[in-house]
Amino acid sequence: MKFKTLLISAISALIASVLVVGAQVPSINSTLNSVFTLTYDNSTMKPTYSATGTGPVATNSTDVCSLAGSASKTIKVRRIILSASATAVVTDPVAILKRSTANAASSGASVMWQVPYDSSNSAGTSALAEFHSVAPQTLGTLVGMIADPYITFSNYTTGISNGPARLYYGEFGSPIVLRGVTQLVAVNHNASAPAGAFLTCTFEWTEE
């Protein structure tokens, strides 16, 4: 009888613990549900922007496109999307660099149009996104290379195409953070572009 009593007590304790754990799962009605929802909204509903530029890559190319920081906001780069074409299918490395000082202006720099993902957000004018069809005259101070992925240039003559390369930052660690107008992230081809190269680059970032 004593063993039976102990067994019943153990089963009761186990059921009670399962109910307590179940009450903590956000999908079940619990006080933690609102906390999880608030955390998710705060991390995903920040003012988000993107800018896209496309054009020919100069034979002496360095920084082909760049995103500089803001005087009033902290810029956090979440995604960089690259696609390219040339006169022949070729795979080539394209470096993602971070600089601590701004590039000197070039005659071939064009401002990339910035689009807010939510129309209730202010226009994306805090950061400066540029596409450089002519290499900048003087490059800013290099902090280091963030990535050096190989991308495949599609053949625009034959129509053979390849999907874009997507680089994500901030999923399991920090995004690329730009503080102040002199810090920037750049897509650099280091004067090794294939013949007739065109590059399209998209930056996606949040402003805080």
C-alpha atoms as a PDB file:
ATOM      1  CA  MET A   1       0.000   0.000   0.000  1.00  0.00           C
ATOM      2  CA  LYS A   2       2.851   2.349   0.820  1.00  0.00           C
ATOM      3  CA  PHE A   3       4.431   1.699  -2.597  1.00  0.00           C
ATOM      4  CA  LYS A   4       1.096   2.402  -4.301  1.00  0.00           C
ATOM      5  CA  THR A   5       0.781   5.683  -2.454  1.00  0.00           C
ATOM      6  CA  LEU A   6       4.280   6.730  -3.468  1.00  0.00           C
ATOM      7  CA  LEU A   7       3.557   5.793  -7.081  1.00  0.00           C
ATOM      8  CA  ILE A   8       0.381   7.884  -7.136  1.00  0.00           C
ATOM      9  CA  SER A   9       2.255  10.831  -5.621  1.00  0.00           C
ATOM     10  CA  ALA A  10       5.004  10.553  -8.241  1.00  0.00           C
ATOM     11  CA  ILE A  11       2.482  10.460 -11.103  1.00  0.00           C
ATOM     12  CA  SER A  12       0.653  13.480  -9.671  1.00  0.00           C
ATOM     13  CA  ALA A  13       3.913  15.419  -9.432  1.00  0.00           C
ATOM     14  CA  LEU A  14       4.789  14.513 -13.026  1.00  0.00           C
ATOM     15  CA  ILE A  15       1.406  15.688 -14.326  1.00  0.00           C
ATOM     16  CA  ALA A  16       1.736  18.938 -12.397  1.00  0.00           C
ATOM     17  CA  SER A  17       5.180  19.606 -13.875  1.00  0.00           C
ATOM     18  CA  VAL A  18       3.899  18.967 -17.416  1.00  0.00           C
ATOM     19  CA  LEU A  19       1.086  21.454 -16.880  1.00  0.00           C
ATOM     20  CA  VAL A  20       3.533  24.072 -15.597  1.00  0.00           C
ATOM     21  CA  VAL A  21       5.822  23.632 -18.621  1.00  0.00           C
ATOM     22  CA  GLY A  22       2.862  23.729 -20.994  1.00  0.00           C
ATOM     23  CA  ALA A  23       1.744  27.022 -19.541  1.00  0.00           C
ATOM     24  CA  GLN A  24       5.098  28.536 -20.524  1.00  0.00           C
ATOM     25  CA  VAL A  25       4.824  27.662 -24.231  1.00  0.00           C
ATOM     26  CA  PRO A  26       3.970  30.875 -26.145  1.00  0.00           C
ATOM     27  CA  SER A  27       1.433  29.052 -28.365  1.00  0.00           C
ATOM     28  CA  ILE A  28      -0.634  28.243 -25.291  1.00  0.00           C
ATOM     29  CA  ASN A  29      -2.512  30.974 -23.483  1.00  0.00           C
ATOM     30  CA  SER A  30       0.091  32.206 -21.003  1.00  0.00           C
ATOM     31  CA  THR A  31       1.571  35.413 -19.683  1.00  0.00           C
ATOM     32  CA  LEU A  32       4.744  34.728 -21.685  1.00  0.00           C
ATOM     33  CA  ASN A  33       2.841  34.845 -24.973  1.00  0.00           C
ATOM     34  CA  SER A  34       2.671  38.656 -24.944  1.00  0.00           C
ATOM     35  CA  VAL A  35       6.363  38.836 -24.007  1.00  0.00           C
ATOM     36  CA  PHE A  36       7.411  36.646 -26.959  1.00  0.00           C
ATOM     37  CA  THR A  37       5.156  38.633 -29.295  1.00  0.00           C
ATOM     38  CA  LEU A  38       6.580  41.947 -28.081  1.00  0.00           C
ATOM     39  CA  THR A  39      10.159  40.711 -28.527  1.00  0.00           C
ATOM     40  CA  TYR A  40       9.412  39.443 -32.040  1.00  0.00           C
ATOM     41  CA  ASP A  41       7.706  42.680 -33.093  1.00  0.00           C
ATOM     42  CA  ASN A  42      10.528  44.819 -31.715  1.00  0.00           C
ATOM     43  CA  SER A  43      13.128  42.843 -33.663  1.00  0.00           C
ATOM     44  CA  THR A  44      11.276  42.639 -36.982  1.00  0.00           C
ATOM     45  CA  MET A  45       9.201  45.827 -37.189  1.00  0.00           C
ATOM     46  CA  LYS A  46      12.010  48.351 -36.994  1.00  0.00           C
ATOM     47  CA  PRO A  47      12.050  50.996 -39.766  1.00  0.00           C
ATOM     48  CA  THR A  48      13.505  49.064 -42.705  1.00  0.00           C
ATOM     49  CA  TYR A  49      14.791  50.344 -46.037  1.00  0.00           C
ATOM     50  CA  SER A  50      16.441  49.077 -49.194  1.00  0.00           C
ATOM     51  CA  ALA A  51      18.265  50.648 -52.099  1.00  0.00           C
ATOM     52  CA  THR A  52      19.157  49.060 -55.420  1.00  0.00           C
ATOM     53  CA  GLY A  53      21.608  50.159 -58.070  1.00  0.00           C
ATOM     54  CA  THR A  54      22.753  48.619 -61.328  1.00  0.00           C
ATOM     55  CA  GLY A  55      25.264  49.550 -63.980  1.00  0.00           C
ATOM     56  CA  PRO A  56      28.482  48.683 -65.784  1.00  0.00           C
ATOM     57  CA  VAL A  57      31.522  47.700 -63.754  1.00  0.00           C
ATOM     58  CA  ALA A  58      34.602  49.723 -64.682  1.00  0.00           C
ATOM     59  CA  THR A  59      37.699  47.774 -65.751  1.00  0.00           C
ATOM     60  CA  ASN A  60      39.615  49.459 -62.915  1.00  0.00           C
ATOM     61  CA  SER A  61      36.716  49.017 -60.489  1.00  0.00           C
ATOM     62  CA  THR A  62      37.212  49.109 -56.733  1.00  0.00           C
ATOM     63  CA  ASP A  63      34.082  49.844 -54.674  1.00  0.00           C
ATOM     64  CA  VAL A  64      31.232  49.265 -57.116  1.00  0.00           C
ATOM     65  CA  CYS A  65      28.443  50.129 -54.683  1.00  0.00           C
ATOM     66  CA  SER A  66      28.416  51.338 -51.104  1.00  0.00           C
ATOM     67  CA  LEU A  67      26.164  52.228 -48.188  1.00  0.00           C
ATOM     68  CA  ALA A  68      27.360  54.900 -45.763  1.00  0.00           C
ATOM     69  CA  GLY A  69      26.057  55.601 -42.275  1.00  0.00           C
ATOM     70  CA  SER A  70      23.953  58.436 -40.901  1.00  0.00           C
ATOM     71  CA  ALA A  71      24.561  61.513 -38.772  1.00  0.00           C
ATOM     72  CA  SER A  72      21.365  60.921 -36.784  1.00  0.00           C
ATOM     73  CA  LYS A  73      20.618  57.175 -36.953  1.00  0.00           C
ATOM     74  CA  THR A  74      22.427  53.905 -36.331  1.00  0.00           C
ATOM     75  CA  ILE A  75      22.367  51.935 -39.586  1.00  0.00           C
ATOM     76  CA  LYS A  76      22.219  48.136 -39.301  1.00  0.00           C
ATOM     77  CA  VAL A  77      22.748  46.292 -42.585  1.00  0.00           C
ATOM     78  CA  ARG A  78      20.656  43.107 -42.669  1.00  0.00           C
ATOM     79  CA  ARG A  79      21.006  41.867 -46.226  1.00  0.00           C
ATOM     80  CA  ILE A  80      23.075  42.405 -49.380  1.00  0.00           C
ATOM     81  CA  ILE A  81      21.802  40.953 -52.672  1.00  0.00           C
ATOM     82  CA  LEU A  82      24.086  40.715 -55.706  1.00  0.00           C
ATOM     83  CA  SER A  83      23.418  39.667 -59.284  1.00  0.00           C
ATOM     84  CA  ALA A  84      25.682  40.097 -62.274  1.00  0.00           C
ATOM     85  CA  SER A  85      25.943  39.580 -66.027  1.00  0.00           C
ATOM     86  CA  ALA A  86      28.742  39.668 -68.583  1.00  0.00           C
ATOM     87  CA  THR A  87      29.503  38.617 -72.156  1.00  0.00           C
ATOM     88  CA  ALA A  88      30.216  35.084 -70.950  1.00  0.00           C
ATOM     89  CA  VAL A  89      29.273  32.977 -67.962  1.00  0.00           C
ATOM     90  CA  VAL A  90      32.040  33.333 -65.375  1.00  0.00           C
ATOM     91  CA  THR A  91      32.358  32.895 -61.625  1.00  0.00           C
ATOM     92  CA  ASP A  92      34.298  35.584 -59.817  1.00  0.00           C
ATOM     93  CA  PRO A  93      34.832  36.687 -56.190  1.00  0.00           C
ATOM     94  CA  VAL A  94      33.224  39.937 -55.025  1.00  0.00           C
ATOM     95  CA  ALA A  95      34.370  41.275 -51.660  1.00  0.00           C
ATOM     96  CA  ILE A  96      32.159  42.824 -48.973  1.00  0.00           C
ATOM     97  CA  LEU A  97      34.266  45.426 -47.158  1.00  0.00           C
ATOM     98  CA  LYS A  98      33.787  47.718 -44.196  1.00  0.00           C
ATOM     99  CA  ARG A  99      35.490  51.130 -44.129  1.00  0.00           C
ATOM    100  CA  SER A 100      35.903  53.553 -41.239  1.00  0.00           C
ATOM    101  CA  THR A 101      36.227  56.654 -43.419  1.00  0.00           C
ATOM    102  CA  ALA A 102      34.285  57.689 -46.492  1.00  0.00           C
ATOM    103  CA  ASN A 103      35.450  57.318 -50.089  1.00  0.00           C
ATOM    104  CA  ALA A 104      36.344  60.445 -52.029  1.00  0.00           C
ATOM    105  CA  ALA A 105      33.633  61.333 -54.536  1.00  0.00           C
ATOM    106  CA  SER A 106      33.911  60.052 -58.093  1.00  0.00           C
ATOM    107  CA  SER A 107      32.456  61.461 -61.290  1.00  0.00           C
ATOM    108  CA  GLY A 108      30.614  58.200 -61.871  1.00  0.00           C
ATOM    109  CA  ALA A 109      28.794  58.017 -58.512  1.00  0.00           C
ATOM    110  CA  SER A 110      24.995  57.909 -58.624  1.00  0.00           C
ATOM    111  CA  VAL A 111      22.730  57.893 -55.581  1.00  0.00           C
ATOM    112  CA  MET A 112      20.639  54.738 -55.227  1.00  0.00           C
ATOM    113  CA  TRP A 113      16.946  55.388 -54.540  1.00  0.00           C
ATOM    114  CA  GLN A 114      15.929  54.407 -51.002  1.00  0.00           C
ATOM    115  CA  VAL A 115      12.572  52.779 -50.332  1.00  0.00           C
ATOM    116  CA  PRO A 116      10.939  52.449 -46.888  1.00  0.00           C
ATOM    117  CA  TYR A 117       9.229  49.073 -46.385  1.00  0.00           C
ATOM    118  CA  ASP A 118       6.467  50.768 -44.371  1.00  0.00           C
ATOM    119  CA  SER A 119       4.864  53.916 -45.786  1.00  0.00           C
ATOM    120  CA  SER A 120       4.391  55.221 -42.242  1.00  0.00           C
ATOM    121  CA  ASN A 121       8.167  55.465 -41.841  1.00  0.00           C
ATOM    122  CA  SER A 122      10.044  58.568 -42.872  1.00  0.00           C
ATOM    123  CA  ALA A 123      11.801  58.640 -46.229  1.00  0.00           C
ATOM    124  CA  GLY A 124      15.103  56.795 -46.173  1.00  0.00           C
ATOM    125  CA  THR A 125      17.459  59.740 -46.366  1.00  0.00           C
ATOM    126  CA  SER A 126      19.611  59.056 -43.298  1.00  0.00           C
ATOM    127  CA  ALA A 127      22.030  56.674 -45.018  1.00  0.00           C
ATOM    128  CA  LEU A 128      23.748  57.283 -48.369  1.00  0.00           C
ATOM    129  CA  ALA A 129      23.676  54.472 -50.930  1.00  0.00           C
ATOM    130  CA  GLU A 130      25.747  54.962 -54.096  1.00  0.00           C
ATOM    131  CA  PHE A 131      26.616  53.027 -57.244  1.00  0.00           C
ATOM    132  CA  HIS A 132      30.047  53.764 -58.740  1.00  0.00           C
ATOM    133  CA  SER A 133      30.335  53.244 -62.486  1.00  0.00           C
ATOM    134  CA  VAL A 134      33.743  54.929 -62.158  1.00  0.00           C
ATOM    135  CA  ALA A 135      36.061  53.896 -59.353  1.00  0.00           C
ATOM    136  CA  PRO A 136      36.238  56.397 -56.454  1.00  0.00           C
ATOM    137  CA  GLN A 137      39.304  58.611 -56.631  1.00  0.00           C
ATOM    138  CA  THR A 138      40.414  57.776 -53.095  1.00  0.00           C
ATOM    139  CA  LEU A 139      39.152  54.859 -51.023  1.00  0.00           C
ATOM    140  CA  GLY A 140      38.308  55.203 -47.359  1.00  0.00           C
ATOM    141  CA  THR A 141      40.260  53.495 -44.589  1.00  0.00           C
ATOM    142  CA  LEU A 142      39.710  49.744 -44.704  1.00  0.00           C
ATOM    143  CA  VAL A 143      38.527  48.079 -41.497  1.00  0.00           C
ATOM    144  CA  GLY A 144      38.534  44.639 -43.091  1.00  0.00           C
ATOM    145  CA  MET A 145      36.891  42.145 -45.397  1.00  0.00           C
ATOM    146  CA  ILE A 146      33.552  40.864 -44.116  1.00  0.00           C
ATOM    147  CA  ALA A 147      33.069  38.276 -46.862  1.00  0.00           C
ATOM    148  CA  ASP A 148      34.532  37.302 -50.234  1.00  0.00           C
ATOM    149  CA  PRO A 149      31.823  35.217 -51.933  1.00  0.00           C
ATOM    150  CA  TYR A 150      32.052  33.889 -55.477  1.00  0.00           C
ATOM    151  CA  ILE A 151      29.145  34.993 -57.652  1.00  0.00           C
ATOM    152  CA  THR A 152      28.280  33.770 -61.137  1.00  0.00           C
ATOM    153  CA  PHE A 153      27.967  36.333 -63.915  1.00  0.00           C
ATOM    154  CA  SER A 154      25.125  35.412 -66.267  1.00  0.00           C
ATOM    155  CA  ASN A 155      25.569  35.566 -70.037  1.00  0.00           C
ATOM    156  CA  TYR A 156      23.290  38.345 -71.303  1.00  0.00           C
ATOM    157  CA  THR A 157      24.097  37.425 -74.916  1.00  0.00           C
ATOM    158  CA  THR A 158      22.773  33.866 -74.766  1.00  0.00           C
ATOM    159  CA  GLY A 159      20.277  34.463 -71.993  1.00  0.00           C
ATOM    160  CA  ILE A 160      21.868  31.932 -69.645  1.00  0.00           C
ATOM    161  CA  SER A 161      21.129  33.279 -66.200  1.00  0.00           C
ATOM    162  CA  ASN A 162      21.833  32.486 -62.576  1.00  0.00           C
ATOM    163  CA  GLY A 163      20.068  33.447 -59.393  1.00  0.00           C
ATOM    164  CA  PRO A 164      21.301  36.301 -57.214  1.00  0.00           C
ATOM    165  CA  ALA A 165      23.662  35.850 -54.291  1.00  0.00           C
ATOM    166  CA  ARG A 166      22.025  36.727 -50.968  1.00  0.00           C
ATOM    167  CA  LEU A 167      24.134  37.591 -47.941  1.00  0.00           C
ATOM    168  CA  TYR A 168      22.320  37.787 -44.597  1.00  0.00           C
ATOM    169  CA  TYR A 169      23.649  39.506 -41.474  1.00  0.00           C
ATOM    170  CA  GLY A 170      22.196  39.615 -37.974  1.00  0.00           C
ATOM    171  CA  GLU A 171      20.327  36.290 -37.997  1.00  0.00           C
ATOM    172  CA  PHE A 172      22.499  34.645 -35.344  1.00  0.00           C
ATOM    173  CA  GLY A 173      24.779  37.529 -34.465  1.00  0.00           C
ATOM    174  CA  SER A 174      25.235  41.230 -34.982  1.00  0.00           C
ATOM    175  CA  PRO A 175      24.290  42.868 -38.282  1.00  0.00           C
ATOM    176  CA  ILE A 176      26.810  45.157 -39.970  1.00  0.00           C
ATOM    177  CA  VAL A 177      26.541  48.330 -37.871  1.00  0.00           C
ATOM    178  CA  LEU A 178      27.388  51.737 -39.339  1.00  0.00           C
ATOM    179  CA  ARG A 179      27.821  54.584 -36.862  1.00  0.00           C
ATOM    180  CA  GLY A 180      28.242  58.060 -38.310  1.00  0.00           C
ATOM    181  CA  VAL A 181      28.454  59.281 -41.898  1.00  0.00           C
ATOM    182  CA  THR A 182      32.040  58.164 -42.476  1.00  0.00           C
ATOM    183  CA  GLN A 183      31.522  54.447 -41.841  1.00  0.00           C
ATOM    184  CA  LEU A 184      30.404  52.421 -44.839  1.00  0.00           C
ATOM    185  CA  VAL A 185      30.005  48.927 -46.238  1.00  0.00           C
ATOM    186  CA  ALA A 186      31.025  48.389 -49.858  1.00  0.00           C
ATOM    187  CA  VAL A 187      30.876  45.777 -52.613  1.00  0.00           C
ATOM    188  CA  ASN A 188      34.339  45.693 -54.143  1.00  0.00           C
ATOM    189  CA  HIS A 189      35.514  43.998 -57.354  1.00  0.00           C
ATOM    190  CA  ASN A 190      39.207  44.894 -57.101  1.00  0.00           C
ATOM    191  CA  ALA A 191      39.777  45.666 -60.803  1.00  0.00           C
ATOM    192  CA  SER A 192      39.025  42.099 -61.900  1.00  0.00           C
ATOM    193  CA  ALA A 193      35.605  42.428 -63.523  1.00  0.00           C
ATOM    194  CA  PRO A 194      34.993  40.196 -66.577  1.00  0.00           C
ATOM    195  CA  ALA A 195      34.376  41.705 -70.014  1.00  0.00           C
ATOM    196  CA  GLY A 196      31.140  43.647 -70.312  1.00  0.00           C
ATOM    197  CA  ALA A 197      30.303  43.182 -66.652  1.00  0.00           C
ATOM    198  CA  PHE A 198      27.104  44.630 -65.180  1.00  0.00           C
ATOM    199  CA  LEU A 199      26.372  44.399 -61.470  1.00  0.00           C
ATOM    200  CA  THR A 200      23.160  44.904 -59.529  1.00  0.00           C
ATOM    201  CA  CYS A 201      23.441  45.346 -55.791  1.00  0.00           C
ATOM    202  CA  THR A 202      20.772  45.811 -53.149  1.00  0.00           C
ATOM    203  CA  PHE A 203      21.336  46.891 -49.576  1.00  0.00           C
ATOM    204  CA  GLU A 204      18.692  46.275 -46.923  1.00  0.00           C
ATOM    205  CA  TRP A 205      19.029  47.937 -43.522  1.00  0.00           C
ATOM    206  CA  THR A 206      17.201  49.218 -40.454  1.00  0.00           C
ATOM    207  CA  GLU A 207      17.525  52.688 -38.922  1.00  0.00           C
ATOM    208  CA  GLU A 208      17.475  53.107 -35.155  1.00  0.00           C
END
